[in-house]
Amino acid sequence: MAGSGQPSGAQIAVQGVARFVGGALDRRDQDRRSEVRKKLWQGGKAIVEFLAGPHDELARAIDGDARQVRKRYEDEVEAPITVAAHRIAVARFQAYGTNVYPDATFTLRLNFGTVQGWVEDGAAVEPVTRLGQAFERATGAAPFKIPDRWTNARQQLDMNTPFCISTNNDIVGGNSGSPLIDADGKIVGLMFDGNIHSIAGHYRFNPADNRATALHPAIIRAALLKVYDAKALMTELNLQ
């Protein structure tokens, strides 16, 4: 039995988990991140409160007001914008019909384009990057640090493997994960981003430099096979 002033068994357990979590985080131990998250999940509210710091106290202090402000923003700003956007869309359709393509609205949308680079400060940017270029730019520090799993597998990787492809497809946020399909219906890439000029594409598409970015299937295969050793997934995808 724990005497007066002595920690209970539950408190000792919480402290033990906290030491494990804190130690892993202090060491920035990448390999134990998943184990840390599992411990936090299993520990529940008690472990989260035990590990609470000044930032957690600040979050709790402003949470109520923040939720009220968020609710007001949703009701007084987002809701009217949504209604107005619908009215504008109806008016545009009445005026232009099918001469303009629709926004991405969770319905199937096909967008046609070609693989293209662009010109940046007078220099041509090639439409395909290679794995070796990532290692060439690596500095060992963020944001140009290559993950250890990739550096450890470097000798097994072909530095000429295609990595990213830029195209003149007009995509927006929400299209990430969409397949890039060639004229024969084959998947030749996975859309995930755009260049810096594509940010303005929410309002106006500039064909001169607005580019979508796709991941090349070759680097996906190389990563699964030689970096992450995802043999089960490779078999499921029939990529062995």
C-alpha atoms as a PDB file:
ATOM      1  CA  MET A   1       0.000   0.000   0.000  1.00  0.00           C
ATOM      2  CA  ALA A   2       1.287   3.460  -0.852  1.00  0.00           C
ATOM      3  CA  GLY A   3       1.600   5.605   2.231  1.00  0.00           C
ATOM      4  CA  SER A   4       0.549   9.212   2.556  1.00  0.00           C
ATOM      5  CA  GLY A   5       2.452  11.426   0.149  1.00  0.00           C
ATOM      6  CA  GLN A   6       3.713   8.481  -1.889  1.00  0.00           C
ATOM      7  CA  PRO A   7       2.774   8.128  -5.564  1.00  0.00           C
ATOM      8  CA  SER A   8       0.134   5.579  -6.456  1.00  0.00           C
ATOM      9  CA  GLY A   9       0.724   2.712  -8.844  1.00  0.00           C
ATOM     10  CA  ALA A  10      -1.111   4.600 -11.586  1.00  0.00           C
ATOM     11  CA  GLN A  11       1.045   7.679 -11.023  1.00  0.00           C
ATOM     12  CA  ILE A  12       4.203   5.587 -11.176  1.00  0.00           C
ATOM     13  CA  ALA A  13       3.015   4.024 -14.434  1.00  0.00           C
ATOM     14  CA  VAL A  14       2.296   7.425 -15.917  1.00  0.00           C
ATOM     15  CA  GLN A  15       5.710   8.719 -14.850  1.00  0.00           C
ATOM     16  CA  GLY A  16       7.376   5.673 -16.385  1.00  0.00           C
ATOM     17  CA  VAL A  17       5.685   6.241 -19.724  1.00  0.00           C
ATOM     18  CA  ALA A  18       6.549   9.932 -19.511  1.00  0.00           C
ATOM     19  CA  ARG A  19      10.237   9.157 -19.009  1.00  0.00           C
ATOM     20  CA  PHE A  20      10.179   6.815 -21.998  1.00  0.00           C
ATOM     21  CA  VAL A  21       8.424   9.367 -24.209  1.00  0.00           C
ATOM     22  CA  GLY A  22      10.532  12.271 -23.042  1.00  0.00           C
ATOM     23  CA  GLY A  23      13.761  10.352 -23.528  1.00  0.00           C
ATOM     24  CA  ALA A  24      12.856   9.299 -27.056  1.00  0.00           C
ATOM     25  CA  LEU A  25      11.832  12.825 -28.005  1.00  0.00           C
ATOM     26  CA  ASP A  26      14.952  14.360 -26.490  1.00  0.00           C
ATOM     27  CA  ARG A  27      17.120  11.993 -28.518  1.00  0.00           C
ATOM     28  CA  ARG A  28      15.105  12.667 -31.673  1.00  0.00           C
ATOM     29  CA  ASP A  29      15.061   8.883 -32.051  1.00  0.00           C
ATOM     30  CA  GLN A  30      13.423   8.439 -35.456  1.00  0.00           C
ATOM     31  CA  ASP A  31      13.140   4.656 -35.143  1.00  0.00           C
ATOM     32  CA  ARG A  32      11.097   4.929 -31.935  1.00  0.00           C
ATOM     33  CA  ARG A  33       8.635   7.582 -33.092  1.00  0.00           C
ATOM     34  CA  SER A  34       5.877   5.031 -33.758  1.00  0.00           C
ATOM     35  CA  GLU A  35       6.483   3.446 -30.352  1.00  0.00           C
ATOM     36  CA  VAL A  36       6.260   6.866 -28.729  1.00  0.00           C
ATOM     37  CA  ARG A  37       2.935   7.602 -30.421  1.00  0.00           C
ATOM     38  CA  LYS A  38       1.618   4.228 -29.263  1.00  0.00           C
ATOM     39  CA  LYS A  39       2.592   4.979 -25.663  1.00  0.00           C
ATOM     40  CA  LEU A  40       0.881   8.370 -25.821  1.00  0.00           C
ATOM     41  CA  TRP A  41      -2.262   6.790 -27.242  1.00  0.00           C
ATOM     42  CA  GLN A  42      -2.349   4.078 -24.578  1.00  0.00           C
ATOM     43  CA  GLY A  43      -1.599   6.546 -21.778  1.00  0.00           C
ATOM     44  CA  GLY A  44      -4.573   8.689 -22.685  1.00  0.00           C
ATOM     45  CA  LYS A  45      -5.407  11.961 -20.955  1.00  0.00           C
ATOM     46  CA  ALA A  46      -3.264  11.211 -17.905  1.00  0.00           C
ATOM     47  CA  ILE A  47       0.012  10.963 -19.813  1.00  0.00           C
ATOM     48  CA  VAL A  48      -0.792  14.006 -21.958  1.00  0.00           C
ATOM     49  CA  GLU A  49      -1.504  16.100 -18.857  1.00  0.00           C
ATOM     50  CA  PHE A  50       1.632  14.798 -17.132  1.00  0.00           C
ATOM     51  CA  LEU A  51       3.771  15.887 -20.097  1.00  0.00           C
ATOM     52  CA  ALA A  52       2.017  19.233 -20.431  1.00  0.00           C
ATOM     53  CA  GLY A  53       4.250  22.278 -20.819  1.00  0.00           C
ATOM     54  CA  PRO A  54       3.673  26.020 -21.202  1.00  0.00           C
ATOM     55  CA  HIS A  55       2.427  25.600 -24.773  1.00  0.00           C
ATOM     56  CA  ASP A  56      -0.217  23.116 -23.592  1.00  0.00           C
ATOM     57  CA  GLU A  57      -1.370  25.514 -20.881  1.00  0.00           C
ATOM     58  CA  LEU A  58      -1.635  28.290 -23.457  1.00  0.00           C
ATOM     59  CA  ALA A  59      -3.696  26.061 -25.768  1.00  0.00           C
ATOM     60  CA  ARG A  60      -6.100  25.199 -22.944  1.00  0.00           C
ATOM     61  CA  ALA A  61      -6.397  28.835 -21.894  1.00  0.00           C
ATOM     62  CA  ILE A  62      -7.444  30.080 -25.324  1.00  0.00           C
ATOM     63  CA  ASP A  63      -9.348  27.009 -26.494  1.00  0.00           C
ATOM     64  CA  GLY A  64     -12.804  28.246 -25.492  1.00  0.00           C
ATOM     65  CA  ASP A  65     -12.401  31.662 -27.096  1.00  0.00           C
ATOM     66  CA  ALA A  66     -10.743  30.133 -30.154  1.00  0.00           C
ATOM     67  CA  ARG A  67     -13.689  27.799 -30.711  1.00  0.00           C
ATOM     68  CA  GLN A  68     -16.136  30.704 -30.471  1.00  0.00           C
ATOM     69  CA  VAL A  69     -14.138  32.750 -32.976  1.00  0.00           C
ATOM     70  CA  ARG A  70     -13.907  29.740 -35.288  1.00  0.00           C
ATOM     71  CA  LYS A  71     -17.665  29.169 -35.091  1.00  0.00           C
ATOM     72  CA  ARG A  72     -18.341  32.820 -35.873  1.00  0.00           C
ATOM     73  CA  TYR A  73     -15.916  32.690 -38.821  1.00  0.00           C
ATOM     74  CA  GLU A  74     -17.621  29.577 -40.200  1.00  0.00           C
ATOM     75  CA  ASP A  75     -21.086  31.150 -39.880  1.00  0.00           C
ATOM     76  CA  GLU A  76     -20.339  34.723 -40.948  1.00  0.00           C
ATOM     77  CA  VAL A  77     -17.514  34.249 -43.466  1.00  0.00           C
ATOM     78  CA  GLU A  78     -17.246  30.723 -44.837  1.00  0.00           C
ATOM     79  CA  ALA A  79     -20.995  30.069 -45.137  1.00  0.00           C
ATOM     80  CA  PRO A  80     -21.757  33.267 -47.143  1.00  0.00           C
ATOM     81  CA  ILE A  81     -18.741  32.614 -49.389  1.00  0.00           C
ATOM     82  CA  THR A  82     -19.975  29.087 -50.104  1.00  0.00           C
ATOM     83  CA  VAL A  83     -23.454  30.365 -51.006  1.00  0.00           C
ATOM     84  CA  ALA A  84     -22.014  33.154 -53.159  1.00  0.00           C
ATOM     85  CA  ALA A  85     -19.643  30.741 -54.930  1.00  0.00           C
ATOM     86  CA  HIS A  86     -22.594  28.567 -55.876  1.00  0.00           C
ATOM     87  CA  ARG A  87     -24.462  31.570 -57.320  1.00  0.00           C
ATOM     88  CA  ILE A  88     -21.376  32.629 -59.290  1.00  0.00           C
ATOM     89  CA  ALA A  89     -20.957  29.093 -60.640  1.00  0.00           C
ATOM     90  CA  VAL A  90     -24.573  29.030 -61.801  1.00  0.00           C
ATOM     91  CA  ALA A  91     -24.184  32.435 -63.467  1.00  0.00           C
ATOM     92  CA  ARG A  92     -20.943  31.374 -65.198  1.00  0.00           C
ATOM     93  CA  PHE A  93     -22.567  28.223 -66.517  1.00  0.00           C
ATOM     94  CA  GLN A  94     -25.508  30.212 -67.869  1.00  0.00           C
ATOM     95  CA  ALA A  95     -23.105  32.634 -69.569  1.00  0.00           C
ATOM     96  CA  TYR A  96     -20.402  30.274 -70.840  1.00  0.00           C
ATOM     97  CA  GLY A  97     -21.977  26.814 -70.762  1.00  0.00           C
ATOM     98  CA  THR A  98     -19.492  24.014 -71.347  1.00  0.00           C
ATOM     99  CA  ASN A  99     -16.861  26.314 -72.846  1.00  0.00           C
ATOM    100  CA  VAL A 100     -15.122  26.416 -69.439  1.00  0.00           C
ATOM    101  CA  TYR A 101     -14.289  23.354 -67.375  1.00  0.00           C
ATOM    102  CA  PRO A 102     -15.753  23.022 -63.862  1.00  0.00           C
ATOM    103  CA  ASP A 103     -13.963  23.281 -60.550  1.00  0.00           C
ATOM    104  CA  ALA A 104     -12.970  20.071 -58.788  1.00  0.00           C
ATOM    105  CA  THR A 105     -16.106  19.315 -56.759  1.00  0.00           C
ATOM    106  CA  PHE A 106     -15.495  15.703 -55.660  1.00  0.00           C
ATOM    107  CA  THR A 107     -16.695  14.451 -59.019  1.00  0.00           C
ATOM    108  CA  LEU A 108     -14.595  12.737 -61.683  1.00  0.00           C
ATOM    109  CA  ARG A 109     -12.617  15.302 -63.634  1.00  0.00           C
ATOM    110  CA  LEU A 110     -10.209  14.694 -66.496  1.00  0.00           C
ATOM    111  CA  ASN A 111      -7.669  17.388 -67.253  1.00  0.00           C
ATOM    112  CA  PHE A 112      -5.536  17.240 -70.376  1.00  0.00           C
ATOM    113  CA  GLY A 113      -1.918  18.380 -70.498  1.00  0.00           C
ATOM    114  CA  THR A 114       1.622  17.526 -71.557  1.00  0.00           C
ATOM    115  CA  VAL A 115       4.952  17.039 -69.843  1.00  0.00           C
ATOM    116  CA  GLN A 116       6.601  20.461 -69.846  1.00  0.00           C
ATOM    117  CA  GLY A 117       9.259  22.398 -68.013  1.00  0.00           C
ATOM    118  CA  TRP A 118       9.354  26.177 -67.719  1.00  0.00           C
ATOM    119  CA  VAL A 119      11.774  29.116 -67.731  1.00  0.00           C
ATOM    120  CA  GLU A 120      12.938  30.490 -64.373  1.00  0.00           C
ATOM    121  CA  ASP A 121      15.046  33.677 -64.328  1.00  0.00           C
ATOM    122  CA  GLY A 122      16.040  33.084 -67.938  1.00  0.00           C
ATOM    123  CA  ALA A 123      17.120  29.481 -67.353  1.00  0.00           C
ATOM    124  CA  ALA A 124      15.230  26.457 -68.650  1.00  0.00           C
ATOM    125  CA  VAL A 125      13.904  24.076 -65.982  1.00  0.00           C
ATOM    126  CA  GLU A 126      13.773  20.510 -67.256  1.00  0.00           C
ATOM    127  CA  PRO A 127      10.447  18.685 -66.796  1.00  0.00           C
ATOM    128  CA  VAL A 128      12.007  15.567 -65.233  1.00  0.00           C
ATOM    129  CA  THR A 129      14.233  15.446 -62.150  1.00  0.00           C
ATOM    130  CA  ARG A 130      16.523  12.543 -61.208  1.00  0.00           C
ATOM    131  CA  LEU A 131      17.298  10.921 -57.864  1.00  0.00           C
ATOM    132  CA  GLY A 132      20.936  11.987 -58.089  1.00  0.00           C
ATOM    133  CA  GLN A 133      19.906  15.649 -58.033  1.00  0.00           C
ATOM    134  CA  ALA A 134      18.412  15.205 -54.563  1.00  0.00           C
ATOM    135  CA  PHE A 135      21.709  13.851 -53.244  1.00  0.00           C
ATOM    136  CA  GLU A 136      23.632  16.611 -55.021  1.00  0.00           C
ATOM    137  CA  ARG A 137      21.602  19.262 -53.200  1.00  0.00           C
ATOM    138  CA  ALA A 138      21.776  17.515 -49.821  1.00  0.00           C
ATOM    139  CA  THR A 139      23.472  19.552 -47.075  1.00  0.00           C
ATOM    140  CA  GLY A 140      22.853  17.297 -44.095  1.00  0.00           C
ATOM    141  CA  ALA A 141      20.575  19.901 -42.526  1.00  0.00           C
ATOM    142  CA  ALA A 142      16.913  20.777 -42.997  1.00  0.00           C
ATOM    143  CA  PRO A 143      15.371  21.374 -45.441  1.00  0.00           C
ATOM    144  CA  PHE A 144      17.987  19.604 -47.563  1.00  0.00           C
ATOM    145  CA  LYS A 145      18.681  16.592 -45.345  1.00  0.00           C
ATOM    146  CA  ILE A 146      18.282  13.180 -46.956  1.00  0.00           C
ATOM    147  CA  PRO A 147      16.600  10.702 -44.556  1.00  0.00           C
ATOM    148  CA  ASP A 148      18.947   8.079 -43.147  1.00  0.00           C
ATOM    149  CA  ARG A 149      17.061   5.230 -44.800  1.00  0.00           C
ATOM    150  CA  TRP A 150      17.777   6.771 -48.186  1.00  0.00           C
ATOM    151  CA  THR A 151      21.455   7.477 -47.506  1.00  0.00           C
ATOM    152  CA  ASN A 152      21.908   3.952 -46.163  1.00  0.00           C
ATOM    153  CA  ALA A 153      20.412   2.529 -49.366  1.00  0.00           C
ATOM    154  CA  ARG A 154      22.289   4.863 -51.715  1.00  0.00           C
ATOM    155  CA  GLN A 155      24.648   2.202 -53.087  1.00  0.00           C
ATOM    156  CA  GLN A 156      21.658   0.098 -54.151  1.00  0.00           C
ATOM    157  CA  LEU A 157      19.909   2.969 -55.928  1.00  0.00           C
ATOM    158  CA  ASP A 158      20.299   4.161 -59.506  1.00  0.00           C
ATOM    159  CA  MET A 159      20.996   7.894 -59.343  1.00  0.00           C
ATOM    160  CA  ASN A 160      19.507   8.306 -62.825  1.00  0.00           C
ATOM    161  CA  THR A 161      16.061   7.115 -61.680  1.00  0.00           C
ATOM    162  CA  PRO A 162      13.349   9.623 -62.685  1.00  0.00           C
ATOM    163  CA  PHE A 163      11.928  11.292 -59.582  1.00  0.00           C
ATOM    164  CA  CYS A 164       9.464  14.091 -60.410  1.00  0.00           C
ATOM    165  CA  ILE A 165       7.675  15.134 -63.581  1.00  0.00           C
ATOM    166  CA  SER A 166       6.275  18.599 -64.272  1.00  0.00           C
ATOM    167  CA  THR A 167       3.256  19.007 -66.542  1.00  0.00           C
ATOM    168  CA  ASN A 168       1.051  21.884 -67.665  1.00  0.00           C
ATOM    169  CA  ASN A 169      -2.067  20.281 -66.175  1.00  0.00           C
ATOM    170  CA  ASP A 170      -4.258  22.755 -64.314  1.00  0.00           C
ATOM    171  CA  ILE A 171      -4.719  21.224 -60.864  1.00  0.00           C
ATOM    172  CA  VAL A 172      -5.504  22.631 -57.413  1.00  0.00           C
ATOM    173  CA  GLY A 173      -5.227  21.532 -53.806  1.00  0.00           C
ATOM    174  CA  GLY A 174      -7.310  18.402 -53.421  1.00  0.00           C
ATOM    175  CA  ASN A 175      -6.005  16.800 -56.598  1.00  0.00           C
ATOM    176  CA  SER A 176      -3.053  15.266 -54.754  1.00  0.00           C
ATOM    177  CA  GLY A 177      -3.046  11.503 -55.130  1.00  0.00           C
ATOM    178  CA  SER A 178      -4.677  11.629 -58.556  1.00  0.00           C
ATOM    179  CA  PRO A 179      -3.115   9.443 -61.254  1.00  0.00           C
ATOM    180  CA  LEU A 180      -1.238  10.919 -64.193  1.00  0.00           C
ATOM    181  CA  ILE A 181      -2.375   8.886 -67.211  1.00  0.00           C
ATOM    182  CA  ASP A 182      -0.815   8.826 -70.666  1.00  0.00           C
ATOM    183  CA  ALA A 183      -2.609   8.636 -74.024  1.00  0.00           C
ATOM    184  CA  ASP A 184      -2.718   4.837 -73.786  1.00  0.00           C
ATOM    185  CA  GLY A 185      -4.455   4.887 -70.404  1.00  0.00           C
ATOM    186  CA  LYS A 186      -1.346   3.800 -68.467  1.00  0.00           C
ATOM    187  CA  ILE A 187      -0.511   5.352 -65.109  1.00  0.00           C
ATOM    188  CA  VAL A 188       2.749   7.263 -65.555  1.00  0.00           C
ATOM    189  CA  GLY A 189       2.773   9.354 -62.403  1.00  0.00           C
ATOM    190  CA  LEU A 190       1.112  10.352 -59.131  1.00  0.00           C
ATOM    191  CA  MET A 191       0.093  14.010 -58.808  1.00  0.00           C
ATOM    192  CA  PHE A 192       1.136  15.553 -55.500  1.00  0.00           C
ATOM    193  CA  ASP A 193       2.177  19.191 -55.845  1.00  0.00           C
ATOM    194  CA  GLY A 194       2.943  22.121 -58.117  1.00  0.00           C
ATOM    195  CA  ASN A 195       5.723  24.638 -58.629  1.00  0.00           C
ATOM    196  CA  ILE A 196       5.771  28.034 -56.916  1.00  0.00           C
ATOM    197  CA  HIS A 197       3.884  29.608 -59.809  1.00  0.00           C
ATOM    198  CA  SER A 198       0.970  27.200 -59.394  1.00  0.00           C
ATOM    199  CA  ILE A 199      -0.054  28.926 -56.161  1.00  0.00           C
ATOM    200  CA  ALA A 200      -1.716  31.661 -58.209  1.00  0.00           C
ATOM    201  CA  GLY A 201      -3.508  28.951 -60.199  1.00  0.00           C
ATOM    202  CA  HIS A 202      -6.389  29.102 -57.741  1.00  0.00           C
ATOM    203  CA  TYR A 203      -7.329  32.367 -59.433  1.00  0.00           C
ATOM    204  CA  ARG A 204      -5.704  32.342 -62.865  1.00  0.00           C
ATOM    205  CA  PHE A 205      -3.849  29.649 -64.780  1.00  0.00           C
ATOM    206  CA  ASN A 206      -0.744  30.948 -66.550  1.00  0.00           C
ATOM    207  CA  PRO A 207       0.320  28.409 -69.205  1.00  0.00           C
ATOM    208  CA  ALA A 208       3.826  29.910 -69.356  1.00  0.00           C
ATOM    209  CA  ASP A 209       4.968  28.735 -65.937  1.00  0.00           C
ATOM    210  CA  ASN A 210       2.118  27.159 -63.935  1.00  0.00           C
ATOM    211  CA  ARG A 211       3.168  23.512 -63.553  1.00  0.00           C
ATOM    212  CA  ALA A 212       1.749  20.513 -61.748  1.00  0.00           C
ATOM    213  CA  THR A 213       4.178  18.006 -60.241  1.00  0.00           C
ATOM    214  CA  ALA A 214       3.866  14.226 -60.288  1.00  0.00           C
ATOM    215  CA  LEU A 215       5.946  11.459 -58.741  1.00  0.00           C
ATOM    216  CA  HIS A 216       7.417   9.094 -61.332  1.00  0.00           C
ATOM    217  CA  PRO A 217       6.478   5.390 -60.916  1.00  0.00           C
ATOM    218  CA  ALA A 218      10.170   4.418 -61.165  1.00  0.00           C
ATOM    219  CA  ILE A 219      11.076   6.198 -57.928  1.00  0.00           C
ATOM    220  CA  ILE A 220       8.018   4.756 -56.170  1.00  0.00           C
ATOM    221  CA  ARG A 221       9.135   1.251 -57.138  1.00  0.00           C
ATOM    222  CA  ALA A 222      12.736   1.934 -56.114  1.00  0.00           C
ATOM    223  CA  ALA A 223      11.625   3.304 -52.750  1.00  0.00           C
ATOM    224  CA  LEU A 224       9.357   0.369 -51.958  1.00  0.00           C
ATOM    225  CA  LEU A 225      11.866  -2.238 -53.054  1.00  0.00           C
ATOM    226  CA  LYS A 226      15.266  -0.854 -52.040  1.00  0.00           C
ATOM    227  CA  VAL A 227      14.602   1.722 -49.318  1.00  0.00           C
ATOM    228  CA  TYR A 228      11.595   0.515 -47.327  1.00  0.00           C
ATOM    229  CA  ASP A 229      11.786  -3.197 -48.122  1.00  0.00           C
ATOM    230  CA  ALA A 230       7.997  -3.257 -48.580  1.00  0.00           C
ATOM    231  CA  LYS A 231       7.904  -6.700 -50.154  1.00  0.00           C
ATOM    232  CA  ALA A 232       4.324  -7.466 -49.138  1.00  0.00           C
ATOM    233  CA  LEU A 233       3.080  -4.240 -50.729  1.00  0.00           C
ATOM    234  CA  MET A 234       5.191  -4.871 -53.833  1.00  0.00           C
ATOM    235  CA  THR A 235       3.579  -8.289 -54.191  1.00  0.00           C
ATOM    236  CA  GLU A 236       0.098  -6.825 -53.735  1.00  0.00           C
ATOM    237  CA  LEU A 237       0.813  -4.257 -56.455  1.00  0.00           C
ATOM    238  CA  ASN A 238       2.398  -6.913 -58.666  1.00  0.00           C
ATOM    239  CA  LEU A 239       5.611  -4.891 -58.891  1.00  0.00           C
ATOM    240  CA  GLN A 240       8.129  -7.599 -58.024  1.00  0.00           C
END
